[in-house]
Amino acid sequence: MRTLDNARDTCDRLHPGLCKALDAIPFAERESPGDGGSAVIDLFRRHDGVGLLVPTEYGGHAADPVETVQVMRALGSYSPSLAAGTAMHHFTAAMLFSLAETAGRLTDAQNAVLADVVPGRRLMASGWSEGRTAQNILAPTVNARPTEGGYLLSGAKKPCSLARSMDLLTASTALPGPNGTPGLALALVPADSPGVSVHPFWGNEVLAAAESDEVRLDDVFVPEDLLVTTTEDDPTRLDDLQTAGFVWFELIISSCYAGAAAALVEEVLRRGRGPSTERAQLAVRSEAAFALLEGAARAVRDGLAGEEAVAAVLVARYAAQESMAAVADQALELLGGMDFIQSSDHSRLARAVRPLAFHPPSRVAAAEPLLGWFAGGSLELS
């Protein structure tokens, strides 16, 4: 399919050989965690996938939003698990390196951690609340107690993608404020820190290779200079970070599932299944869904920011989400009963489109804020 081939070309340009390596593995194996961990995550690491959104001065590709959604669509067409799992790494990279771009906004220790992401092929898991549909993606999931030289972090994140392959856990953390009110901080936690443990959690075969298990923190010591907080001379930096991170998150995660839907359409077209009118309708629906996401990405690339960017990506995401669900159902129907009987690959791929609805914010949670925005007010997501 032409536009999916274009997305794969973008992926090959930035990660040479990754698409071919993924295609060489049977679909069922791509989507299974395996005894020694996810094979597709290992391929992603070995093909320098970690550097997609890392600035060039840190050794990365500095992909723009349009390139990014194309790469994630390509990965989603081969392995929805890989795309969804690594989306959290990319989302984290987009946020943290945006701070690093401004001199003095990160400590030497924080910069040292980020400087090793590309050369060390370090995967970053996000300890934020992307698994809770009604919650802000940066809502704190762990608490911190002051101790000499830093903080002791305790809490759990479930599910936490890349749980078994991560090198670094980045967690939104509630820090005790001077007046007793908790404040938001972002903690950089090496995965091998004492007190960090991983436990089985994911029970569905869909997206099983994303390694979305439970990560627990039990009095994990984090030095003070590995926590990103607001400062008196930079009081809005975490607010700005949340807005930029939210936009990246919605674009990236939506594109993952758009890839899974496109792969089903590609198979229908390749086999010539069903009347030409239905095949054309299917392709139009799929292309329209991704065009919305790509259009929002292009607007962000060209300067759209703040609440306008958040509203644009939410509109694109919800419209694409609805279309992709219909595309998956129609594609399965056109592929036919014998295809369903003989292999679970396509039914599993179709089900892999659905979890987009479970990523925050849910349509219900965003309804009132969007209505206020459409009416001319501010966009206030909880």
Foldseek 3Di string as FASTA:
>chain_A
DVLLVVLVVLLCVFQPPLLVVLVVDPLLLQLAQDPVGHPSVVSCLVSQVLQDCADVVLPHDNHALLNLLSPLLNVLLRHLLNLQLQLQSNLVNNLLVVQVVDPPQADPVQVVVSSCCRVVSAGEKEQFAQQAQLDQRQPFFWEWDDDPQFTFIWGKGFFIFCLPPGQWYWGWYFYQDPVRHTDTKIAIGGCPFPQWDWDADDDDSQSNNRRGTMITGDRGGGGHSRIRDADPVRRCSVVQSSFSSLLSSLLSSLSSLLSLLVSLLVVCVVVVFDDPVLNVVLVVLSVVLVVQSSVLSVVVSVPDGDQRSNLSSVVSSVSSLVSSLVSLVSSVVRVHDVVVVPDCSSVSSSVNSNCSCSTYHHCVQQVVLSVCVVVPHGRDRD
